Structure formats: structure tokens, C-alpha cells
Amino acid sequence: MQRVEVSILFAADDPCLEGHFPGNPIVPAAAILSELVTLVETELAGTVIEVTRAQFRQPLAPGVEWPVTIEAADDGTVAVTSKIEGKAALTVRLIVA
């Protein structure tokens, strides 16, 4: 099993934030997922072929850094998790080829 610790951060002027939501911006789940797929492909030198599960339990505000743990099993499954202040923020399961 391979384990990697990284973090994600979206700037306050990131284009994905336009209209999401004025006065109280949060990073869209699709943007977070896209960033996670890119991180997994970069860190594991593979290609994500399927997202089998994606749960976002806390909103991500721009300018807030989220710690992310990537754990890859030998069978090609990858677990991506993040905890903020001890609480689950996201859980994503992927398959990498």
C-alpha cells in the first residue's frame, strides 16, 4: 500500500467560485473532485478510470488549506480522505489503472 500526504487550496479568485455563492463563497464539489483526481494521477503516476464514491461532509472555503491523505492499494483502488479539526471533511474512492 502506498500512502501520500498532500493538501489542496483554492485561491479566492479561482474561476470556479464565480457565483458559488456570492457573499459566502464555497468551492464546488466538482472542482474539489477534479483537483483530487489530478493529485492522485500525479502522485501515483496512473490514470483514474472510475470514481466509485464521493462524499463531501464539510464545505471548503477559498483560502483554506485542506490536508488530504491518498492511500493506494495493490488492487488499483484508492482512498482519498481529509479531516478538519478531527472531523471527516471528505471521503473519495477511486479506481486507478
PDB file of N, CA and C in Angstrom:
ATOM      1  N   MET A   1       0.850  -1.183   0.000  1.00  0.00           N
ATOM      2  CA  MET A   1       0.000   0.000   0.000  1.00  0.00           C
ATOM      3  C   MET A   1       0.891   1.239   0.000  1.00  0.00           C
ATOM      4  N   GLN A   2       0.488   2.206  -0.789  1.00  0.00           N
ATOM      5  CA  GLN A   2       1.206   3.482  -0.867  1.00  0.00           C
ATOM      6  C   GLN A   2       0.362   4.556  -0.200  1.00  0.00           C
ATOM      7  N   ARG A   3       1.003   5.408   0.600  1.00  0.00           N
ATOM      8  CA  ARG A   3       0.298   6.482   1.301  1.00  0.00           C
ATOM      9  C   ARG A   3       1.020   7.805   1.046  1.00  0.00           C
ATOM     10  N   VAL A   4       0.240   8.833   0.681  1.00  0.00           N
ATOM     11  CA  VAL A   4       0.794  10.151   0.382  1.00  0.00           C
ATOM     12  C   VAL A   4      -0.026  11.193   1.129  1.00  0.00           C
ATOM     13  N   GLU A   5       0.662  12.144   1.740  1.00  0.00           N
ATOM     14  CA  GLU A   5       0.012  13.266   2.422  1.00  0.00           C
ATOM     15  C   GLU A   5       0.231  14.526   1.588  1.00  0.00           C
ATOM     16  N   VAL A   6      -0.849  15.179   1.191  1.00  0.00           N
ATOM     17  CA  VAL A   6      -0.779  16.414   0.400  1.00  0.00           C
ATOM     18  C   VAL A   6      -1.823  17.377   0.959  1.00  0.00           C
ATOM     19  N   SER A   7      -2.000  18.489   0.287  1.00  0.00           N
ATOM     20  CA  SER A   7      -3.071  19.406   0.680  1.00  0.00           C
ATOM     21  C   SER A   7      -3.622  20.081  -0.565  1.00  0.00           C
ATOM     22  N   ILE A   8      -4.844  20.591  -0.437  1.00  0.00           N
ATOM     23  CA  ILE A   8      -5.451  21.344  -1.532  1.00  0.00           C
ATOM     24  C   ILE A   8      -5.822  22.726  -1.015  1.00  0.00           C
ATOM     25  N   LEU A   9      -5.770  23.679  -1.926  1.00  0.00           N
ATOM     26  CA  LEU A   9      -6.076  25.065  -1.586  1.00  0.00           C
ATOM     27  C   LEU A   9      -6.589  25.755  -2.843  1.00  0.00           C
ATOM     28  N   PHE A  10      -7.716  26.421  -2.735  1.00  0.00           N
ATOM     29  CA  PHE A  10      -8.265  27.195  -3.837  1.00  0.00           C
ATOM     30  C   PHE A  10      -8.170  28.668  -3.471  1.00  0.00           C
ATOM     31  N   ALA A  11      -7.628  29.469  -4.368  1.00  0.00           N
ATOM     32  CA  ALA A  11      -7.488  30.909  -4.143  1.00  0.00           C
ATOM     33  C   ALA A  11      -8.853  31.586  -4.211  1.00  0.00           C
ATOM     34  N   ALA A  12      -8.965  32.712  -3.552  1.00  0.00           N
ATOM     35  CA  ALA A  12     -10.225  33.463  -3.517  1.00  0.00           C
ATOM     36  C   ALA A  12     -10.665  33.928  -4.901  1.00  0.00           C
ATOM     37  N   ASP A  13      -9.722  34.059  -5.834  1.00  0.00           N
ATOM     38  CA  ASP A  13     -10.076  34.500  -7.182  1.00  0.00           C
ATOM     39  C   ASP A  13     -10.160  33.351  -8.187  1.00  0.00           C
ATOM     40  N   ASP A  14     -10.221  32.119  -7.705  1.00  0.00           N
ATOM     41  CA  ASP A  14     -10.324  30.966  -8.596  1.00  0.00           C
ATOM     42  C   ASP A  14     -11.615  31.073  -9.421  1.00  0.00           C
ATOM     43  N   PRO A  15     -11.544  30.863 -10.734  1.00  0.00           N
ATOM     44  CA  PRO A  15     -12.728  30.985 -11.586  1.00  0.00           C
ATOM     45  C   PRO A  15     -13.891  30.065 -11.193  1.00  0.00           C
ATOM     46  N   CYS A  16     -13.608  28.947 -10.540  1.00  0.00           N
ATOM     47  CA  CYS A  16     -14.680  28.021 -10.167  1.00  0.00           C
ATOM     48  C   CYS A  16     -15.623  28.615  -9.121  1.00  0.00           C
ATOM     49  N   LEU A  17     -15.209  29.712  -8.495  1.00  0.00           N
ATOM     50  CA  LEU A  17     -16.015  30.316  -7.428  1.00  0.00           C
ATOM     51  C   LEU A  17     -17.050  31.313  -7.931  1.00  0.00           C
ATOM     52  N   GLU A  18     -16.963  31.682  -9.211  1.00  0.00           N
ATOM     53  CA  GLU A  18     -17.895  32.667  -9.747  1.00  0.00           C
ATOM     54  C   GLU A  18     -19.331  32.205  -9.542  1.00  0.00           C
ATOM     55  N   GLY A  19     -20.085  32.975  -8.739  1.00  0.00           N
ATOM     56  CA  GLY A  19     -21.492  32.675  -8.493  1.00  0.00           C
ATOM     57  C   GLY A  19     -21.731  31.544  -7.517  1.00  0.00           C
ATOM     58  N   HIS A  20     -20.699  31.078  -6.841  1.00  0.00           N
ATOM     59  CA  HIS A  20     -20.847  29.904  -5.964  1.00  0.00           C
ATOM     60  C   HIS A  20     -20.367  30.215  -4.554  1.00  0.00           C
ATOM     61  N   PHE A  21     -20.851  30.859  -3.784  1.00  0.00           N
ATOM     62  CA  PHE A  21     -22.081  31.614  -3.660  1.00  0.00           C
ATOM     63  C   PHE A  21     -21.716  33.032  -3.257  1.00  0.00           C
ATOM     64  N   PRO A  22     -22.284  34.045  -3.899  1.00  0.00           N
ATOM     65  CA  PRO A  22     -21.927  35.437  -3.613  1.00  0.00           C
ATOM     66  C   PRO A  22     -22.104  35.770  -2.127  1.00  0.00           C
ATOM     67  N   GLY A  23     -21.079  36.370  -1.545  1.00  0.00           N
ATOM     68  CA  GLY A  23     -21.135  36.743  -0.140  1.00  0.00           C
ATOM     69  C   GLY A  23     -20.720  35.640   0.813  1.00  0.00           C
ATOM     70  N   ASN A  24     -20.741  34.389   0.361  1.00  0.00           N
ATOM     71  CA  ASN A  24     -20.349  33.252   1.187  1.00  0.00           C
ATOM     72  C   ASN A  24     -19.786  32.163   0.266  1.00  0.00           C
ATOM     73  N   PRO A  25     -18.637  32.437  -0.366  1.00  0.00           N
ATOM     74  CA  PRO A  25     -18.130  31.502  -1.372  1.00  0.00           C
ATOM     75  C   PRO A  25     -17.702  30.162  -0.781  1.00  0.00           C
ATOM     76  N   ILE A  26     -18.059  29.099  -1.494  1.00  0.00           N
ATOM     77  CA  ILE A  26     -17.550  27.766  -1.186  1.00  0.00           C
ATOM     78  C   ILE A  26     -17.093  27.128  -2.490  1.00  0.00           C
ATOM     79  N   VAL A  27     -16.111  26.273  -2.398  1.00  0.00           N
ATOM     80  CA  VAL A  27     -15.575  25.613  -3.585  1.00  0.00           C
ATOM     81  C   VAL A  27     -16.543  24.498  -3.990  1.00  0.00           C
ATOM     82  N   PRO A  28     -16.973  24.490  -5.260  1.00  0.00           N
ATOM     83  CA  PRO A  28     -17.888  23.445  -5.720  1.00  0.00           C
ATOM     84  C   PRO A  28     -17.269  22.050  -5.599  1.00  0.00           C
ATOM     85  N   ALA A  29     -18.096  21.082  -5.276  1.00  0.00           N
ATOM     86  CA  ALA A  29     -17.621  19.703  -5.131  1.00  0.00           C
ATOM     87  C   ALA A  29     -16.960  19.209  -6.415  1.00  0.00           C
ATOM     88  N   ALA A  30     -17.488  19.607  -7.574  1.00  0.00           N
ATOM     89  CA  ALA A  30     -16.896  19.178  -8.842  1.00  0.00           C
ATOM     90  C   ALA A  30     -15.462  19.687  -8.983  1.00  0.00           C
ATOM     91  N   ALA A  31     -15.192  20.899  -8.520  1.00  0.00           N
ATOM     92  CA  ALA A  31     -13.837  21.450  -8.583  1.00  0.00           C
ATOM     93  C   ALA A  31     -12.906  20.706  -7.629  1.00  0.00           C
ATOM     94  N   ILE A  32     -13.415  20.382  -6.442  1.00  0.00           N
ATOM     95  CA  ILE A  32     -12.614  19.619  -5.470  1.00  0.00           C
ATOM     96  C   ILE A  32     -12.288  18.247  -6.049  1.00  0.00           C
ATOM     97  N   LEU A  33     -13.298  17.575  -6.593  1.00  0.00           N
ATOM     98  CA  LEU A  33     -13.092  16.243  -7.157  1.00  0.00           C
ATOM     99  C   LEU A  33     -12.087  16.282  -8.306  1.00  0.00           C
ATOM    100  N   SER A  34     -12.191  17.271  -9.159  1.00  0.00           N
ATOM    101  CA  SER A  34     -11.249  17.415 -10.267  1.00  0.00           C
ATOM    102  C   SER A  34      -9.820  17.583  -9.749  1.00  0.00           C
ATOM    103  N   GLU A  35      -9.655  18.398  -8.719  1.00  0.00           N
ATOM    104  CA  GLU A  35      -8.327  18.604  -8.122  1.00  0.00           C
ATOM    105  C   GLU A  35      -7.793  17.308  -7.514  1.00  0.00           C
ATOM    106  N   LEU A  36      -8.663  16.556  -6.853  1.00  0.00           N
ATOM    107  CA  LEU A  36      -8.245  15.290  -6.243  1.00  0.00           C
ATOM    108  C   LEU A  36      -7.833  14.276  -7.301  1.00  0.00           C
ATOM    109  N   VAL A  37      -8.577  14.197  -8.403  1.00  0.00           N
ATOM    110  CA  VAL A  37      -8.218  13.282  -9.487  1.00  0.00           C
ATOM    111  C   VAL A  37      -6.843  13.653 -10.039  1.00  0.00           C
ATOM    112  N   THR A  38      -6.605  14.936 -10.246  1.00  0.00           N
ATOM    113  CA  THR A  38      -5.301  15.390 -10.734  1.00  0.00           C
ATOM    114  C   THR A  38      -4.186  15.018  -9.759  1.00  0.00           C
ATOM    115  N   LEU A  39      -4.428  15.234  -8.467  1.00  0.00           N
ATOM    116  CA  LEU A  39      -3.429  14.877  -7.449  1.00  0.00           C
ATOM    117  C   LEU A  39      -3.136  13.382  -7.454  1.00  0.00           C
ATOM    118  N   VAL A  40      -4.171  12.577  -7.502  1.00  0.00           N
ATOM    119  CA  VAL A  40      -3.994  11.119  -7.498  1.00  0.00           C
ATOM    120  C   VAL A  40      -3.208  10.687  -8.728  1.00  0.00           C
ATOM    121  N   GLU A  41      -3.560  11.204  -9.893  1.00  0.00           N
ATOM    122  CA  GLU A  41      -2.844  10.817 -11.109  1.00  0.00           C
ATOM    123  C   GLU A  41      -1.384  11.253 -11.063  1.00  0.00           C
ATOM    124  N   THR A  42      -1.115  12.414 -10.500  1.00  0.00           N
ATOM    125  CA  THR A  42       0.254  12.913 -10.384  1.00  0.00           C
ATOM    126  C   THR A  42       1.052  12.106  -9.372  1.00  0.00           C
ATOM    127  N   GLU A  43       0.479  11.913  -8.195  1.00  0.00           N
ATOM    128  CA  GLU A  43       1.193  11.234  -7.111  1.00  0.00           C
ATOM    129  C   GLU A  43       1.400   9.739  -7.372  1.00  0.00           C
ATOM    130  N   LEU A  44       0.437   9.108  -8.051  1.00  0.00           N
ATOM    131  CA  LEU A  44       0.509   7.664  -8.261  1.00  0.00           C
ATOM    132  C   LEU A  44       0.935   7.278  -9.666  1.00  0.00           C
ATOM    133  N   ALA A  45       1.133   8.275 -10.544  1.00  0.00           N
ATOM    134  CA  ALA A  45       1.550   8.039 -11.923  1.00  0.00           C
ATOM    135  C   ALA A  45       0.628   7.037 -12.612  1.00  0.00           C
ATOM    136  N   GLY A  46      -0.669   7.237 -12.432  1.00  0.00           N
ATOM    137  CA  GLY A  46      -1.661   6.373 -13.071  1.00  0.00           C
ATOM    138  C   GLY A  46      -2.796   7.213 -13.622  1.00  0.00           C
ATOM    139  N   THR A  47      -3.811   6.540 -14.128  1.00  0.00           N
ATOM    140  CA  THR A  47      -4.983   7.220 -14.672  1.00  0.00           C
ATOM    141  C   THR A  47      -6.213   6.795 -13.897  1.00  0.00           C
ATOM    142  N   VAL A  48      -6.956   7.772 -13.396  1.00  0.00           N
ATOM    143  CA  VAL A  48      -8.206   7.466 -12.703  1.00  0.00           C
ATOM    144  C   VAL A  48      -9.215   7.042 -13.757  1.00  0.00           C
ATOM    145  N   ILE A  49      -9.775   5.836 -13.597  1.00  0.00           N
ATOM    146  CA  ILE A  49     -10.743   5.337 -14.573  1.00  0.00           C
ATOM    147  C   ILE A  49     -12.166   5.325 -14.019  1.00  0.00           C
ATOM    148  N   GLU A  50     -12.296   5.489 -12.702  1.00  0.00           N
ATOM    149  CA  GLU A  50     -13.641   5.494 -12.121  1.00  0.00           C
ATOM    150  C   GLU A  50     -13.628   6.144 -10.746  1.00  0.00           C
ATOM    151  N   VAL A  51     -14.673   6.900 -10.475  1.00  0.00           N
ATOM    152  CA  VAL A  51     -14.938   7.405  -9.133  1.00  0.00           C
ATOM    153  C   VAL A  51     -16.077   6.550  -8.601  1.00  0.00           C
ATOM    154  N   THR A  52     -15.807   5.771  -7.559  1.00  0.00           N
ATOM    155  CA  THR A  52     -16.837   4.864  -7.048  1.00  0.00           C
ATOM    156  C   THR A  52     -17.627   5.452  -5.887  1.00  0.00           C
ATOM    157  N   ARG A  53     -17.071   6.486  -5.271  1.00  0.00           N
ATOM    158  CA  ARG A  53     -17.746   7.117  -4.132  1.00  0.00           C
ATOM    159  C   ARG A  53     -17.153   8.504  -3.909  1.00  0.00           C
ATOM    160  N   ALA A  54     -18.010   9.454  -3.605  1.00  0.00           N
ATOM    161  CA  ALA A  54     -17.530  10.804  -3.285  1.00  0.00           C
ATOM    162  C   ALA A  54     -18.504  11.429  -2.297  1.00  0.00           C
ATOM    163  N   GLN A  55     -18.024  11.667  -1.086  1.00  0.00           N
ATOM    164  CA  GLN A  55     -18.830  12.304  -0.048  1.00  0.00           C
ATOM    165  C   GLN A  55     -18.094  13.535   0.452  1.00  0.00           C
ATOM    166  N   PHE A  56     -18.792  14.653   0.429  1.00  0.00           N
ATOM    167  CA  PHE A  56     -18.241  15.915   0.906  1.00  0.00           C
ATOM    168  C   PHE A  56     -19.058  16.321   2.120  1.00  0.00           C
ATOM    169  N   ARG A  57     -18.444  16.282   3.291  1.00  0.00           N
ATOM    170  CA  ARG A  57     -19.170  16.483   4.546  1.00  0.00           C
ATOM    171  C   ARG A  57     -19.017  17.870   5.139  1.00  0.00           C
ATOM    172  N   GLN A  58     -18.052  18.612   4.652  1.00  0.00           N
ATOM    173  CA  GLN A  58     -17.836  19.985   5.115  1.00  0.00           C
ATOM    174  C   GLN A  58     -17.580  20.869   3.901  1.00  0.00           C
ATOM    175  N   PRO A  59     -18.066  22.097   3.914  1.00  0.00           N
ATOM    176  CA  PRO A  59     -17.769  22.991   2.796  1.00  0.00           C
ATOM    177  C   PRO A  59     -16.309  23.449   2.849  1.00  0.00           C
ATOM    178  N   LEU A  60     -15.736  23.667   1.684  1.00  0.00           N
ATOM    179  CA  LEU A  60     -14.371  24.169   1.571  1.00  0.00           C
ATOM    180  C   LEU A  60     -14.430  25.621   1.123  1.00  0.00           C
ATOM    181  N   ALA A  61     -13.957  26.498   1.960  1.00  0.00           N
ATOM    182  CA  ALA A  61     -13.926  27.920   1.626  1.00  0.00           C
ATOM    183  C   ALA A  61     -12.624  28.243   0.901  1.00  0.00           C
ATOM    184  N   PRO A  62     -12.663  29.222   0.006  1.00  0.00           N
ATOM    185  CA  PRO A  62     -11.421  29.621  -0.656  1.00  0.00           C
ATOM    186  C   PRO A  62     -10.420  30.150   0.366  1.00  0.00           C
ATOM    187  N   GLY A  63      -9.145  29.865   0.111  1.00  0.00           N
ATOM    188  CA  GLY A  63      -8.093  30.323   1.013  1.00  0.00           C
ATOM    189  C   GLY A  63      -7.845  29.410   2.197  1.00  0.00           C
ATOM    190  N   VAL A  64      -8.629  28.339   2.331  1.00  0.00           N
ATOM    191  CA  VAL A  64      -8.467  27.390   3.439  1.00  0.00           C
ATOM    192  C   VAL A  64      -7.764  26.148   2.896  1.00  0.00           C
ATOM    193  N   GLU A  65      -6.673  25.793   3.537  1.00  0.00           N
ATOM    194  CA  GLU A  65      -5.915  24.624   3.111  1.00  0.00           C
ATOM    195  C   GLU A  65      -6.473  23.371   3.768  1.00  0.00           C
ATOM    196  N   TRP A  66      -6.746  22.356   2.946  1.00  0.00           N
ATOM    197  CA  TRP A  66      -7.245  21.072   3.454  1.00  0.00           C
ATOM    198  C   TRP A  66      -6.151  20.027   3.339  1.00  0.00           C
ATOM    199  N   PRO A  67      -5.835  19.345   4.439  1.00  0.00           N
ATOM    200  CA  PRO A  67      -4.904  18.221   4.348  1.00  0.00           C
ATOM    201  C   PRO A  67      -5.629  17.034   3.706  1.00  0.00           C
ATOM    202  N   VAL A  68      -4.936  16.332   2.829  1.00  0.00           N
ATOM    203  CA  VAL A  68      -5.522  15.207   2.115  1.00  0.00           C
ATOM    204  C   VAL A  68      -4.583  14.013   2.219  1.00  0.00           C
ATOM    205  N   THR A  69      -5.164  12.847   2.509  1.00  0.00           N
ATOM    206  CA  THR A  69      -4.401  11.604   2.544  1.00  0.00           C
ATOM    207  C   THR A  69      -4.853  10.734   1.381  1.00  0.00           C
ATOM    208  N   ILE A  70      -3.892  10.273   0.594  1.00  0.00           N
ATOM    209  CA  ILE A  70      -4.148   9.373  -0.523  1.00  0.00           C
ATOM    210  C   ILE A  70      -3.559   8.025  -0.150  1.00  0.00           C
ATOM    211  N   GLU A  71      -4.398   6.985  -0.164  1.00  0.00           N
ATOM    212  CA  GLU A  71      -3.934   5.638   0.146  1.00  0.00           C
ATOM    213  C   GLU A  71      -4.294   4.716  -1.009  1.00  0.00           C
ATOM    214  N   ALA A  72      -3.274   4.177  -1.661  1.00  0.00           N
ATOM    215  CA  ALA A  72      -3.465   3.311  -2.818  1.00  0.00           C
ATOM    216  C   ALA A  72      -3.194   1.864  -2.439  1.00  0.00           C
ATOM    217  N   ALA A  73      -4.154   1.007  -2.742  1.00  0.00           N
ATOM    218  CA  ALA A  73      -3.992  -0.429  -2.503  1.00  0.00           C
ATOM    219  C   ALA A  73      -3.413  -1.087  -3.754  1.00  0.00           C
ATOM    220  N   ASP A  74      -2.895  -2.290  -3.593  1.00  0.00           N
ATOM    221  CA  ASP A  74      -2.282  -3.009  -4.704  1.00  0.00           C
ATOM    222  C   ASP A  74      -3.277  -3.390  -5.797  1.00  0.00           C
ATOM    223  N   ASP A  75      -4.582  -3.406  -5.473  1.00  0.00           N
ATOM    224  CA  ASP A  75      -5.600  -3.803  -6.457  1.00  0.00           C
ATOM    225  C   ASP A  75      -6.091  -2.639  -7.322  1.00  0.00           C
ATOM    226  N   GLY A  76      -5.485  -1.456  -7.196  1.00  0.00           N
ATOM    227  CA  GLY A  76      -5.864  -0.304  -8.009  1.00  0.00           C
ATOM    228  C   GLY A  76      -6.896   0.604  -7.368  1.00  0.00           C
ATOM    229  N   THR A  77      -7.389   0.240  -6.189  1.00  0.00           N
ATOM    230  CA  THR A  77      -8.337   1.120  -5.507  1.00  0.00           C
ATOM    231  C   THR A  77      -7.569   2.166  -4.713  1.00  0.00           C
ATOM    232  N   VAL A  78      -8.154   3.353  -4.657  1.00  0.00           N
ATOM    233  CA  VAL A  78      -7.510   4.468  -3.968  1.00  0.00           C
ATOM    234  C   VAL A  78      -8.533   5.133  -3.060  1.00  0.00           C
ATOM    235  N   ALA A  79      -8.139   5.353  -1.817  1.00  0.00           N
ATOM    236  CA  ALA A  79      -8.972   6.079  -0.858  1.00  0.00           C
ATOM    237  C   ALA A  79      -8.355   7.459  -0.648  1.00  0.00           C
ATOM    238  N   VAL A  80      -9.188   8.481  -0.774  1.00  0.00           N
ATOM    239  CA  VAL A  80      -8.751   9.851  -0.545  1.00  0.00           C
ATOM    240  C   VAL A  80      -9.612  10.393   0.594  1.00  0.00           C
ATOM    241  N   THR A  81      -8.958  10.853   1.656  1.00  0.00           N
ATOM    242  CA  THR A  81      -9.697  11.336   2.820  1.00  0.00           C
ATOM    243  C   THR A  81      -9.108  12.649   3.318  1.00  0.00           C
ATOM    244  N   SER A  82      -9.942  13.376   4.045  1.00  0.00           N
ATOM    245  CA  SER A  82      -9.483  14.605   4.689  1.00  0.00           C
ATOM    246  C   SER A  82     -10.258  14.780   5.977  1.00  0.00           C
ATOM    247  N   LYS A  83      -9.562  15.225   7.000  1.00  0.00           N
ATOM    248  CA  LYS A  83     -10.187  15.559   8.276  1.00  0.00           C
ATOM    249  C   LYS A  83      -9.834  16.989   8.634  1.00  0.00           C
ATOM    250  N   ILE A  84     -10.838  17.723   9.073  1.00  0.00           N
ATOM    251  CA  ILE A  84     -10.639  19.085   9.538  1.00  0.00           C
ATOM    252  C   ILE A  84     -11.059  19.127  10.995  1.00  0.00           C
ATOM    253  N   GLU A  85     -10.131  19.519  11.848  1.00  0.00           N
ATOM    254  CA  GLU A  85     -10.380  19.576  13.290  1.00  0.00           C
ATOM    255  C   GLU A  85     -10.940  18.257  13.806  1.00  0.00           C
ATOM    256  N   GLY A  86     -10.382  17.141  13.295  1.00  0.00           N
ATOM    257  CA  GLY A  86     -10.763  15.815  13.754  1.00  0.00           C
ATOM    258  C   GLY A  86     -12.045  15.267  13.159  1.00  0.00           C
ATOM    259  N   LYS A  87     -12.715  16.032  12.302  1.00  0.00           N
ATOM    260  CA  LYS A  87     -13.973  15.584  11.700  1.00  0.00           C
ATOM    261  C   LYS A  87     -13.765  15.306  10.214  1.00  0.00           C
ATOM    262  N   ALA A  88     -14.399  14.244   9.723  1.00  0.00           N
ATOM    263  CA  ALA A  88     -14.299  13.905   8.313  1.00  0.00           C
ATOM    264  C   ALA A  88     -14.813  15.044   7.447  1.00  0.00           C
ATOM    265  N   ALA A  89     -13.992  15.467   6.494  1.00  0.00           N
ATOM    266  CA  ALA A  89     -14.373  16.523   5.572  1.00  0.00           C
ATOM    267  C   ALA A  89     -14.759  15.947   4.214  1.00  0.00           C
ATOM    268  N   LEU A  90     -14.017  14.925   3.787  1.00  0.00           N
ATOM    269  CA  LEU A  90     -14.342  14.281   2.523  1.00  0.00           C
ATOM    270  C   LEU A  90     -13.830  12.850   2.522  1.00  0.00           C
ATOM    271  N   THR A  91     -14.533  12.021   1.750  1.00  0.00           N
ATOM    272  CA  THR A  91     -14.142  10.637   1.515  1.00  0.00           C
ATOM    273  C   THR A  91     -14.407  10.348   0.052  1.00  0.00           C
ATOM    274  N   VAL A  92     -13.369   9.994  -0.669  1.00  0.00           N
ATOM    275  CA  VAL A  92     -13.493   9.695  -2.087  1.00  0.00           C
ATOM    276  C   VAL A  92     -12.805   8.353  -2.350  1.00  0.00           C
ATOM    277  N   ARG A  93     -13.454   7.526  -3.148  1.00  0.00           N
ATOM    278  CA  ARG A  93     -12.879   6.246  -3.558  1.00  0.00           C
ATOM    279  C   ARG A  93     -12.760   6.250  -5.073  1.00  0.00           C
ATOM    280  N   LEU A  94     -11.586   5.837  -5.546  1.00  0.00           N
ATOM    281  CA  LEU A  94     -11.282   5.852  -6.974  1.00  0.00           C
ATOM    282  C   LEU A  94     -10.698   4.521  -7.395  1.00  0.00           C
ATOM    283  N   ILE A  95     -10.715   4.283  -8.690  1.00  0.00           N
ATOM    284  CA  ILE A  95     -10.009   3.148  -9.270  1.00  0.00           C
ATOM    285  C   ILE A  95      -9.011   3.719 -10.262  1.00  0.00           C
ATOM    286  N   VAL A  96      -7.751   3.267 -10.142  1.00  0.00           N
ATOM    287  CA  VAL A  96      -6.662   3.773 -10.968  1.00  0.00           C
ATOM    288  C   VAL A  96      -6.102   2.614 -11.793  1.00  0.00           C
ATOM    289  N   ALA A  97      -5.832   2.916 -13.063  1.00  0.00           N
ATOM    290  CA  ALA A  97      -5.215   1.901 -13.943  1.00  0.00           C
ATOM    291  C   ALA A  97      -3.771   2.267 -14.190  1.00  0.00           C
TER     292      ALA A  97
END
